[in-house]
Amino acid sequence: MAPSNNKSVIVSCAVTGGSDTVSKNPAVPVTPRQIADQCIEAAEAGAAIVHIHVRDPQTTGPSMDVALYAEVVEYLRASATDVLINLTTGIGARFDPGDDDPAVAGAGSNFKRPDERVAHVLALRPDLCSLDMGTLNFGDRAFINTAAHLREMARLVTAVGVLPELEIFEPGHLRLALDMMTRDLLPRNAFFQLCLGIPWGSPADPETMLYLRNSLPPAAEWSAFGVGPKQFPMAAQAMLLGGNLRVGLEDNLYLERGVLAPGNGALVEKAVRILGELGASPASPAEARKRLGLS
């Protein structure tokens, strides 16, 4: 359905991620202050939600250090922004089989218990946190999210009032999420994020997004993103299908072909321009809170 001229769209910005992207674009934030500053920049450009990973400031690799998350969150809460804070729980799912014994984790693994993966969420109580709703071959690695682990993570975060954002990388993940909802293991107002174009998940194309959208509960709030050059086409497609959208340096390093994005704010600004051309506008954080049942 085409949007009306007054449609507001929740724009999320995934500011850094955990992949090896710092060497590819120096604008990817690394330190807690850099991450927080880019969250504020994204909010000023029109993002209502910021999705946050932290990185080891020494190695630039992904980190699960609660103190690093606390530094980012405390800085944001002390600032003038009212942007919604969404902390990842994706770190701790990676498993690389060992070369000698594939049953033993190899050097690239960071596989952790469910309680370890949500420790920062329980400590800091953000507005939202992500839950990757299933196992996925992510490039050459496996990201393992068993149903039992997801049930425990969902139980822990909802017990402290944090709304899960359900990351859907393929149709089976959505089936699991819906089953958990029917058994009241996930809240009915959980926010769905359709993650498209990640190797080897669902492709970033209109047919796949439409199929997943049509499989959602009728009243669900949902968002979508595509990676790399599919970021902005999928952002426009999500809005046209009645959803919300995500952009940011976690998913895409370029503002346009051959032009590195100078920061997350520029990516959000471009998404907001696209919304305007299509007759929509970015939702404010207050509007996003109300629509997600957080106000």
C-alpha atoms as a PDB file:
ATOM      1  CA  MET A   1       0.000   0.000   0.000  1.00  0.00           C
ATOM      2  CA  ALA A   2       1.355   3.443  -0.869  1.00  0.00           C
ATOM      3  CA  PRO A   3       1.833   5.788   2.080  1.00  0.00           C
ATOM      4  CA  SER A   4      -0.294   8.803   2.795  1.00  0.00           C
ATOM      5  CA  ASN A   5       1.425  12.183   2.901  1.00  0.00           C
ATOM      6  CA  ASN A   6       1.399  12.229   6.702  1.00  0.00           C
ATOM      7  CA  LYS A   7       2.874   8.778   7.255  1.00  0.00           C
ATOM      8  CA  SER A   8       5.661   8.775   9.817  1.00  0.00           C
ATOM      9  CA  VAL A   9       8.348   6.125   9.667  1.00  0.00           C
ATOM     10  CA  ILE A  10      10.538   4.942  12.549  1.00  0.00           C
ATOM     11  CA  VAL A  11      14.139   5.284  11.397  1.00  0.00           C
ATOM     12  CA  SER A  12      16.682   3.118  13.220  1.00  0.00           C
ATOM     13  CA  CYS A  13      20.409   3.667  12.886  1.00  0.00           C
ATOM     14  CA  ALA A  14      22.847   0.796  13.491  1.00  0.00           C
ATOM     15  CA  VAL A  15      25.933   2.840  14.247  1.00  0.00           C
ATOM     16  CA  THR A  16      28.879   0.440  14.276  1.00  0.00           C
ATOM     17  CA  GLY A  17      28.247  -3.331  14.314  1.00  0.00           C
ATOM     18  CA  GLY A  18      30.966  -5.827  15.135  1.00  0.00           C
ATOM     19  CA  SER A  19      32.412  -6.815  11.777  1.00  0.00           C
ATOM     20  CA  ASP A  20      35.849  -5.886  10.461  1.00  0.00           C
ATOM     21  CA  THR A  21      34.720  -2.592   8.942  1.00  0.00           C
ATOM     22  CA  VAL A  22      36.918  -0.037  10.700  1.00  0.00           C
ATOM     23  CA  SER A  23      39.746  -0.703   8.250  1.00  0.00           C
ATOM     24  CA  LYS A  24      37.350  -0.138   5.347  1.00  0.00           C
ATOM     25  CA  ASN A  25      35.841   3.156   6.483  1.00  0.00           C
ATOM     26  CA  PRO A  26      37.545   5.303   9.147  1.00  0.00           C
ATOM     27  CA  ALA A  27      34.195   6.895  10.004  1.00  0.00           C
ATOM     28  CA  VAL A  28      33.068   3.695  11.800  1.00  0.00           C
ATOM     29  CA  PRO A  29      33.052   4.653  15.500  1.00  0.00           C
ATOM     30  CA  VAL A  30      35.127   2.586  17.927  1.00  0.00           C
ATOM     31  CA  THR A  31      35.457   4.214  21.356  1.00  0.00           C
ATOM     32  CA  PRO A  32      32.406   4.667  23.602  1.00  0.00           C
ATOM     33  CA  ARG A  33      32.524   8.443  23.131  1.00  0.00           C
ATOM     34  CA  GLN A  34      32.751   8.096  19.337  1.00  0.00           C
ATOM     35  CA  ILE A  35      29.821   5.669  19.347  1.00  0.00           C
ATOM     36  CA  ALA A  36      27.712   7.938  21.562  1.00  0.00           C
ATOM     37  CA  ASP A  37      28.542  11.011  19.475  1.00  0.00           C
ATOM     38  CA  GLN A  38      27.468   9.215  16.298  1.00  0.00           C
ATOM     39  CA  CYS A  39      24.253   8.105  18.015  1.00  0.00           C
ATOM     40  CA  ILE A  40      23.502  11.754  18.756  1.00  0.00           C
ATOM     41  CA  GLU A  41      24.422  12.726  15.199  1.00  0.00           C
ATOM     42  CA  ALA A  42      22.033  10.075  13.863  1.00  0.00           C
ATOM     43  CA  ALA A  43      19.257  11.259  16.176  1.00  0.00           C
ATOM     44  CA  GLU A  44      19.708  14.863  15.063  1.00  0.00           C
ATOM     45  CA  ALA A  45      19.423  13.686  11.452  1.00  0.00           C
ATOM     46  CA  GLY A  46      16.094  11.950  12.127  1.00  0.00           C
ATOM     47  CA  ALA A  47      16.725   8.559  13.722  1.00  0.00           C
ATOM     48  CA  ALA A  48      14.303   7.631  16.498  1.00  0.00           C
ATOM     49  CA  ILE A  49      16.253   4.494  17.542  1.00  0.00           C
ATOM     50  CA  VAL A  50      19.981   3.833  17.725  1.00  0.00           C
ATOM     51  CA  HIS A  51      21.184   0.227  17.635  1.00  0.00           C
ATOM     52  CA  ILE A  52      24.437  -0.129  19.546  1.00  0.00           C
ATOM     53  CA  HIS A  53      27.359  -2.550  19.555  1.00  0.00           C
ATOM     54  CA  VAL A  54      30.568  -1.682  21.383  1.00  0.00           C
ATOM     55  CA  ARG A  55      34.125  -2.392  20.288  1.00  0.00           C
ATOM     56  CA  ASP A  56      37.397  -2.970  22.079  1.00  0.00           C
ATOM     57  CA  PRO A  57      39.105   0.428  21.729  1.00  0.00           C
ATOM     58  CA  GLN A  58      42.500  -1.282  21.404  1.00  0.00           C
ATOM     59  CA  THR A  59      41.709  -3.945  18.800  1.00  0.00           C
ATOM     60  CA  THR A  60      38.552  -2.358  17.250  1.00  0.00           C
ATOM     61  CA  GLY A  61      36.970  -5.840  17.385  1.00  0.00           C
ATOM     62  CA  PRO A  62      33.575  -6.648  18.937  1.00  0.00           C
ATOM     63  CA  SER A  63      33.311  -6.548  22.718  1.00  0.00           C
ATOM     64  CA  MET A  64      30.869  -7.704  25.389  1.00  0.00           C
ATOM     65  CA  ASP A  65      32.350  -5.441  28.092  1.00  0.00           C
ATOM     66  CA  VAL A  66      29.479  -4.093  30.198  1.00  0.00           C
ATOM     67  CA  ALA A  67      31.609  -1.105  31.196  1.00  0.00           C
ATOM     68  CA  LEU A  68      31.931  -0.022  27.565  1.00  0.00           C
ATOM     69  CA  TYR A  69      28.171  -0.280  27.066  1.00  0.00           C
ATOM     70  CA  ALA A  70      27.622   1.655  30.292  1.00  0.00           C
ATOM     71  CA  GLU A  71      29.856   4.481  29.093  1.00  0.00           C
ATOM     72  CA  VAL A  72      27.872   4.838  25.861  1.00  0.00           C
ATOM     73  CA  VAL A  73      24.475   4.623  27.553  1.00  0.00           C
ATOM     74  CA  GLU A  74      25.359   6.991  30.379  1.00  0.00           C
ATOM     75  CA  TYR A  75      26.635   9.585  27.920  1.00  0.00           C
ATOM     76  CA  LEU A  76      23.448   9.354  25.852  1.00  0.00           C
ATOM     77  CA  ARG A  77      21.210   9.593  28.888  1.00  0.00           C
ATOM     78  CA  ALA A  78      23.091  12.664  30.101  1.00  0.00           C
ATOM     79  CA  SER A  79      22.758  14.343  26.708  1.00  0.00           C
ATOM     80  CA  ALA A  80      19.842  16.335  25.339  1.00  0.00           C
ATOM     81  CA  THR A  81      18.704  13.555  23.002  1.00  0.00           C
ATOM     82  CA  ASP A  82      15.655  11.441  23.748  1.00  0.00           C
ATOM     83  CA  VAL A  83      16.547   8.815  21.125  1.00  0.00           C
ATOM     84  CA  LEU A  84      15.529   5.244  21.980  1.00  0.00           C
ATOM     85  CA  ILE A  85      18.468   3.034  22.949  1.00  0.00           C
ATOM     86  CA  ASN A  86      18.658  -0.470  21.476  1.00  0.00           C
ATOM     87  CA  LEU A  87      21.539  -2.669  22.624  1.00  0.00           C
ATOM     88  CA  THR A  88      22.624  -5.723  20.671  1.00  0.00           C
ATOM     89  CA  THR A  89      22.696  -9.210  22.151  1.00  0.00           C
ATOM     90  CA  GLY A  90      24.150 -10.705  18.968  1.00  0.00           C
ATOM     91  CA  ILE A  91      27.711 -10.862  20.292  1.00  0.00           C
ATOM     92  CA  GLY A  92      28.376 -14.260  21.853  1.00  0.00           C
ATOM     93  CA  ALA A  93      26.712 -16.381  19.170  1.00  0.00           C
ATOM     94  CA  ARG A  94      29.676 -16.949  16.857  1.00  0.00           C
ATOM     95  CA  PHE A  95      31.026 -20.490  16.543  1.00  0.00           C
ATOM     96  CA  ASP A  96      33.971 -21.599  14.439  1.00  0.00           C
ATOM     97  CA  PRO A  97      34.623 -25.361  14.528  1.00  0.00           C
ATOM     98  CA  GLY A  98      38.152 -26.187  15.626  1.00  0.00           C
ATOM     99  CA  ASP A  99      40.513 -27.510  12.972  1.00  0.00           C
ATOM    100  CA  ASP A 100      41.522 -30.598  14.955  1.00  0.00           C
ATOM    101  CA  ASP A 101      38.191 -31.271  16.679  1.00  0.00           C
ATOM    102  CA  PRO A 102      35.135 -29.581  15.142  1.00  0.00           C
ATOM    103  CA  ALA A 103      33.193 -30.189  18.367  1.00  0.00           C
ATOM    104  CA  VAL A 104      35.566 -27.778  20.131  1.00  0.00           C
ATOM    105  CA  ALA A 105      35.319 -24.063  19.446  1.00  0.00           C
ATOM    106  CA  GLY A 106      38.065 -22.646  17.268  1.00  0.00           C
ATOM    107  CA  ALA A 107      39.978 -19.411  17.771  1.00  0.00           C
ATOM    108  CA  GLY A 108      37.327 -17.251  16.086  1.00  0.00           C
ATOM    109  CA  SER A 109      34.501 -18.329  18.378  1.00  0.00           C
ATOM    110  CA  ASN A 110      32.929 -16.209  21.101  1.00  0.00           C
ATOM    111  CA  PHE A 111      30.026 -18.507  22.018  1.00  0.00           C
ATOM    112  CA  LYS A 112      28.535 -17.582  25.421  1.00  0.00           C
ATOM    113  CA  ARG A 113      25.708 -18.556  27.778  1.00  0.00           C
ATOM    114  CA  PRO A 114      22.391 -16.692  27.396  1.00  0.00           C
ATOM    115  CA  ASP A 115      22.845 -14.822  30.684  1.00  0.00           C
ATOM    116  CA  GLU A 116      26.277 -13.605  29.572  1.00  0.00           C
ATOM    117  CA  ARG A 117      24.881 -12.333  26.284  1.00  0.00           C
ATOM    118  CA  VAL A 118      22.280 -10.150  28.021  1.00  0.00           C
ATOM    119  CA  ALA A 119      24.327  -9.057  31.067  1.00  0.00           C
ATOM    120  CA  HIS A 120      24.675  -5.498  29.735  1.00  0.00           C
ATOM    121  CA  VAL A 121      20.945  -5.310  28.995  1.00  0.00           C
ATOM    122  CA  LEU A 122      20.044  -6.394  32.522  1.00  0.00           C
ATOM    123  CA  ALA A 123      22.503  -3.910  33.994  1.00  0.00           C
ATOM    124  CA  LEU A 124      21.567  -0.898  31.842  1.00  0.00           C
ATOM    125  CA  ARG A 125      17.899  -1.526  30.938  1.00  0.00           C
ATOM    126  CA  PRO A 126      17.721   0.160  27.545  1.00  0.00           C
ATOM    127  CA  ASP A 127      14.447   0.740  25.719  1.00  0.00           C
ATOM    128  CA  LEU A 128      15.044  -2.222  23.384  1.00  0.00           C
ATOM    129  CA  CYS A 129      17.507  -5.002  22.744  1.00  0.00           C
ATOM    130  CA  SER A 130      17.962  -7.176  19.700  1.00  0.00           C
ATOM    131  CA  LEU A 131      17.293 -10.913  19.679  1.00  0.00           C
ATOM    132  CA  ASP A 132      18.600 -12.832  16.641  1.00  0.00           C
ATOM    133  CA  MET A 133      15.767 -15.305  16.212  1.00  0.00           C
ATOM    134  CA  GLY A 134      17.663 -18.332  14.963  1.00  0.00           C
ATOM    135  CA  THR A 135      20.878 -19.893  13.777  1.00  0.00           C
ATOM    136  CA  LEU A 136      22.501 -18.667  10.578  1.00  0.00           C
ATOM    137  CA  ASN A 137      25.511 -19.359   8.399  1.00  0.00           C
ATOM    138  CA  PHE A 138      26.970 -15.836   8.469  1.00  0.00           C
ATOM    139  CA  GLY A 139      29.562 -15.962   5.721  1.00  0.00           C
ATOM    140  CA  ASP A 140      31.950 -18.761   6.661  1.00  0.00           C
ATOM    141  CA  ARG A 141      30.940 -18.759  10.327  1.00  0.00           C
ATOM    142  CA  ALA A 142      27.910 -20.066  12.162  1.00  0.00           C
ATOM    143  CA  PHE A 143      25.941 -17.802  14.461  1.00  0.00           C
ATOM    144  CA  ILE A 144      24.162 -20.149  16.846  1.00  0.00           C
ATOM    145  CA  ASN A 145      20.927 -19.107  18.518  1.00  0.00           C
ATOM    146  CA  THR A 146      19.120 -22.205  19.729  1.00  0.00           C
ATOM    147  CA  ALA A 147      15.466 -22.025  20.688  1.00  0.00           C
ATOM    148  CA  ALA A 148      16.336 -22.832  24.302  1.00  0.00           C
ATOM    149  CA  HIS A 149      18.891 -20.019  24.464  1.00  0.00           C
ATOM    150  CA  LEU A 150      16.444 -17.577  22.892  1.00  0.00           C
ATOM    151  CA  ARG A 151      13.721 -18.514  25.359  1.00  0.00           C
ATOM    152  CA  GLU A 152      16.085 -17.799  28.241  1.00  0.00           C
ATOM    153  CA  MET A 153      17.328 -14.521  26.776  1.00  0.00           C
ATOM    154  CA  ALA A 154      13.746 -13.408  26.126  1.00  0.00           C
ATOM    155  CA  ARG A 155      12.748 -14.317  29.678  1.00  0.00           C
ATOM    156  CA  LEU A 156      15.611 -12.351  31.181  1.00  0.00           C
ATOM    157  CA  VAL A 157      15.204  -9.153  29.179  1.00  0.00           C
ATOM    158  CA  THR A 158      11.414  -8.960  29.357  1.00  0.00           C
ATOM    159  CA  ALA A 159      11.564  -9.481  33.123  1.00  0.00           C
ATOM    160  CA  VAL A 160      13.360  -6.125  33.427  1.00  0.00           C
ATOM    161  CA  GLY A 161      10.994  -4.346  31.028  1.00  0.00           C
ATOM    162  CA  VAL A 162      13.165  -4.261  27.896  1.00  0.00           C
ATOM    163  CA  LEU A 163      11.306  -4.660  24.598  1.00  0.00           C
ATOM    164  CA  PRO A 164      12.866  -7.241  22.243  1.00  0.00           C
ATOM    165  CA  GLU A 165      13.579  -6.317  18.655  1.00  0.00           C
ATOM    166  CA  LEU A 166      13.321  -9.614  16.805  1.00  0.00           C
ATOM    167  CA  GLU A 167      15.987  -9.964  14.116  1.00  0.00           C
ATOM    168  CA  ILE A 168      14.599 -12.092  11.266  1.00  0.00           C
ATOM    169  CA  PHE A 169      17.264 -13.310   8.842  1.00  0.00           C
ATOM    170  CA  GLU A 170      15.171 -16.022   7.172  1.00  0.00           C
ATOM    171  CA  PRO A 171      11.586 -17.388   7.292  1.00  0.00           C
ATOM    172  CA  GLY A 172      12.341 -20.061   9.896  1.00  0.00           C
ATOM    173  CA  HIS A 173      13.365 -17.350  12.337  1.00  0.00           C
ATOM    174  CA  LEU A 174       9.958 -15.738  11.934  1.00  0.00           C
ATOM    175  CA  ARG A 175       8.207 -19.058  12.526  1.00  0.00           C
ATOM    176  CA  LEU A 176      10.081 -19.461  15.807  1.00  0.00           C
ATOM    177  CA  ALA A 177       9.299 -15.902  16.868  1.00  0.00           C
ATOM    178  CA  LEU A 178       5.582 -16.348  16.188  1.00  0.00           C
ATOM    179  CA  ASP A 179       5.538 -19.634  18.084  1.00  0.00           C
ATOM    180  CA  MET A 180       7.183 -17.979  21.083  1.00  0.00           C
ATOM    181  CA  MET A 181       4.616 -15.182  20.931  1.00  0.00           C
ATOM    182  CA  THR A 182       1.681 -17.594  20.936  1.00  0.00           C
ATOM    183  CA  ARG A 183       3.139 -19.198  24.067  1.00  0.00           C
ATOM    184  CA  ASP A 184       3.693 -15.787  25.707  1.00  0.00           C
ATOM    185  CA  LEU A 185       7.455 -16.233  25.689  1.00  0.00           C
ATOM    186  CA  LEU A 186       7.770 -12.986  23.748  1.00  0.00           C
ATOM    187  CA  PRO A 187       5.592  -9.881  24.148  1.00  0.00           C
ATOM    188  CA  ARG A 188       2.923  -9.344  21.516  1.00  0.00           C
ATOM    189  CA  ASN A 189       4.262  -5.841  20.841  1.00  0.00           C
ATOM    190  CA  ALA A 190       7.801  -7.017  20.025  1.00  0.00           C
ATOM    191  CA  PHE A 191       9.401  -5.045  17.193  1.00  0.00           C
ATOM    192  CA  PHE A 192      10.292  -7.106  14.099  1.00  0.00           C
ATOM    193  CA  GLN A 193      13.443  -6.299  12.103  1.00  0.00           C
ATOM    194  CA  LEU A 194      13.740  -7.987   8.700  1.00  0.00           C
ATOM    195  CA  CYS A 195      17.455  -8.428   8.001  1.00  0.00           C
ATOM    196  CA  LEU A 196      18.051  -8.898   4.276  1.00  0.00           C
ATOM    197  CA  GLY A 197      21.083  -9.543   2.137  1.00  0.00           C
ATOM    198  CA  ILE A 198      23.386 -11.047   4.779  1.00  0.00           C
ATOM    199  CA  PRO A 199      25.284 -14.063   3.453  1.00  0.00           C
ATOM    200  CA  TRP A 200      23.723 -16.605   3.866  1.00  0.00           C
ATOM    201  CA  GLY A 201      20.328 -15.386   4.930  1.00  0.00           C
ATOM    202  CA  SER A 202      17.349 -14.166   2.958  1.00  0.00           C
ATOM    203  CA  PRO A 203      18.118 -12.060  -0.127  1.00  0.00           C
ATOM    204  CA  ALA A 204      17.500  -8.321  -0.211  1.00  0.00           C
ATOM    205  CA  ASP A 205      14.767  -8.118  -2.822  1.00  0.00           C
ATOM    206  CA  PRO A 206      11.140  -6.950  -2.917  1.00  0.00           C
ATOM    207  CA  GLU A 207       9.696 -10.458  -3.207  1.00  0.00           C
ATOM    208  CA  THR A 208      11.404 -11.650  -0.025  1.00  0.00           C
ATOM    209  CA  MET A 209      10.439  -8.561   1.943  1.00  0.00           C
ATOM    210  CA  LEU A 210       6.828  -8.856   0.804  1.00  0.00           C
ATOM    211  CA  TYR A 211       6.702 -12.541   1.777  1.00  0.00           C
ATOM    212  CA  LEU A 212       8.071 -11.828   5.250  1.00  0.00           C
ATOM    213  CA  ARG A 213       5.816  -8.785   5.703  1.00  0.00           C
ATOM    214  CA  ASN A 214       2.783 -10.865   4.783  1.00  0.00           C
ATOM    215  CA  SER A 215       3.803 -13.497   7.365  1.00  0.00           C
ATOM    216  CA  LEU A 216       3.851 -11.005  10.256  1.00  0.00           C
ATOM    217  CA  PRO A 217       0.958 -10.496  12.677  1.00  0.00           C
ATOM    218  CA  PRO A 218      -1.406  -7.920  11.107  1.00  0.00           C
ATOM    219  CA  ALA A 219      -0.817  -5.190  13.692  1.00  0.00           C
ATOM    220  CA  ALA A 220       2.921  -5.746  14.159  1.00  0.00           C
ATOM    221  CA  GLU A 221       5.363  -2.860  14.018  1.00  0.00           C
ATOM    222  CA  TRP A 222       8.178  -3.899  11.744  1.00  0.00           C
ATOM    223  CA  SER A 223      11.266  -2.559  10.085  1.00  0.00           C
ATOM    224  CA  ALA A 224      13.698  -3.786   7.460  1.00  0.00           C
ATOM    225  CA  PHE A 225      17.165  -3.200   6.129  1.00  0.00           C
ATOM    226  CA  GLY A 226      19.404  -4.361   3.319  1.00  0.00           C
ATOM    227  CA  VAL A 227      23.178  -4.544   3.470  1.00  0.00           C
ATOM    228  CA  GLY A 228      25.688  -2.788   1.237  1.00  0.00           C
ATOM    229  CA  PRO A 229      24.244  -1.274  -1.954  1.00  0.00           C
ATOM    230  CA  LYS A 230      20.777  -2.626  -1.044  1.00  0.00           C
ATOM    231  CA  GLN A 231      20.522  -0.365   2.014  1.00  0.00           C
ATOM    232  CA  PHE A 232      18.555   2.466   0.428  1.00  0.00           C
ATOM    233  CA  PRO A 233      16.460   0.412  -2.034  1.00  0.00           C
ATOM    234  CA  MET A 234      15.299  -1.770   0.868  1.00  0.00           C
ATOM    235  CA  ALA A 235      14.664   1.308   3.021  1.00  0.00           C
ATOM    236  CA  ALA A 236      12.325   2.689   0.354  1.00  0.00           C
ATOM    237  CA  GLN A 237      10.688  -0.711  -0.143  1.00  0.00           C
ATOM    238  CA  ALA A 238      10.017  -1.093   3.585  1.00  0.00           C
ATOM    239  CA  MET A 239       8.298   2.275   3.755  1.00  0.00           C
ATOM    240  CA  LEU A 240       6.183   1.527   0.673  1.00  0.00           C
ATOM    241  CA  LEU A 241       5.050  -1.740   2.263  1.00  0.00           C
ATOM    242  CA  GLY A 242       3.920   0.044   5.420  1.00  0.00           C
ATOM    243  CA  GLY A 243       6.979  -0.638   7.553  1.00  0.00           C
ATOM    244  CA  ASN A 244       9.856   1.222   9.115  1.00  0.00           C
ATOM    245  CA  LEU A 245      13.520   1.226   8.140  1.00  0.00           C
ATOM    246  CA  ARG A 246      17.087   0.905   9.343  1.00  0.00           C
ATOM    247  CA  VAL A 247      20.288   2.393   7.979  1.00  0.00           C
ATOM    248  CA  GLY A 248      23.769   2.874   9.416  1.00  0.00           C
ATOM    249  CA  LEU A 249      27.423   1.985   9.158  1.00  0.00           C
ATOM    250  CA  GLU A 250      26.845  -1.487  10.598  1.00  0.00           C
ATOM    251  CA  ASP A 251      25.087  -2.461   7.384  1.00  0.00           C
ATOM    252  CA  ASN A 252      26.616  -0.225   4.728  1.00  0.00           C
ATOM    253  CA  LEU A 253      29.800   1.852   4.515  1.00  0.00           C
ATOM    254  CA  TYR A 254      28.903   3.942   1.452  1.00  0.00           C
ATOM    255  CA  LEU A 255      26.751   6.996   0.893  1.00  0.00           C
ATOM    256  CA  GLU A 256      26.650   6.224  -2.824  1.00  0.00           C
ATOM    257  CA  ARG A 257      28.690   4.164  -5.265  1.00  0.00           C
ATOM    258  CA  GLY A 258      32.374   4.819  -4.613  1.00  0.00           C
ATOM    259  CA  VAL A 259      31.726   7.424  -1.896  1.00  0.00           C
ATOM    260  CA  LEU A 260      32.373   6.362   1.691  1.00  0.00           C
ATOM    261  CA  ALA A 261      29.817   7.635   4.185  1.00  0.00           C
ATOM    262  CA  PRO A 262      31.370  10.314   6.421  1.00  0.00           C
ATOM    263  CA  GLY A 263      29.306   9.126   9.360  1.00  0.00           C
ATOM    264  CA  ASN A 264      25.981   7.706  10.427  1.00  0.00           C
ATOM    265  CA  GLY A 265      24.285  11.089  10.274  1.00  0.00           C
ATOM    266  CA  ALA A 266      24.810  11.290   6.526  1.00  0.00           C
ATOM    267  CA  LEU A 267      23.192   7.879   6.016  1.00  0.00           C
ATOM    268  CA  VAL A 268      20.186   8.896   8.113  1.00  0.00           C
ATOM    269  CA  GLU A 269      19.911  12.208   6.256  1.00  0.00           C
ATOM    270  CA  LYS A 270      19.791  10.366   2.934  1.00  0.00           C
ATOM    271  CA  ALA A 271      17.112   7.998   4.219  1.00  0.00           C
ATOM    272  CA  VAL A 272      15.062  10.953   5.445  1.00  0.00           C
ATOM    273  CA  ARG A 273      15.377  12.626   2.025  1.00  0.00           C
ATOM    274  CA  ILE A 274      14.093   9.440   0.392  1.00  0.00           C
ATOM    275  CA  LEU A 275      11.159   9.366   2.799  1.00  0.00           C
ATOM    276  CA  GLY A 276      10.325  12.954   1.924  1.00  0.00           C
ATOM    277  CA  GLU A 277      10.382  12.214  -1.802  1.00  0.00           C
ATOM    278  CA  LEU A 278       7.918   9.388  -1.174  1.00  0.00           C
ATOM    279  CA  GLY A 279       5.542  11.450   0.934  1.00  0.00           C
ATOM    280  CA  ALA A 280       6.611  10.336   4.404  1.00  0.00           C
ATOM    281  CA  SER A 281       8.541  11.752   7.344  1.00  0.00           C
ATOM    282  CA  PRO A 282      10.675  10.355  10.159  1.00  0.00           C
ATOM    283  CA  ALA A 283       8.883   9.567  13.416  1.00  0.00           C
ATOM    284  CA  SER A 284      10.127  11.378  16.490  1.00  0.00           C
ATOM    285  CA  PRO A 285      11.432   9.349  19.438  1.00  0.00           C
ATOM    286  CA  ALA A 286       8.203  10.212  21.302  1.00  0.00           C
ATOM    287  CA  GLU A 287       6.117   8.857  18.411  1.00  0.00           C
ATOM    288  CA  ALA A 288       8.256   5.717  18.258  1.00  0.00           C
ATOM    289  CA  ARG A 289       7.827   5.144  21.996  1.00  0.00           C
ATOM    290  CA  LYS A 290       4.065   5.392  21.684  1.00  0.00           C
ATOM    291  CA  ARG A 291       3.855   3.077  18.680  1.00  0.00           C
ATOM    292  CA  LEU A 292       6.083   0.476  20.338  1.00  0.00           C
ATOM    293  CA  GLY A 293       4.130   0.638  23.596  1.00  0.00           C
ATOM    294  CA  LEU A 294       7.019   2.135  25.545  1.00  0.00           C
ATOM    295  CA  SER A 295       5.397   5.395  26.653  1.00  0.00           C
END
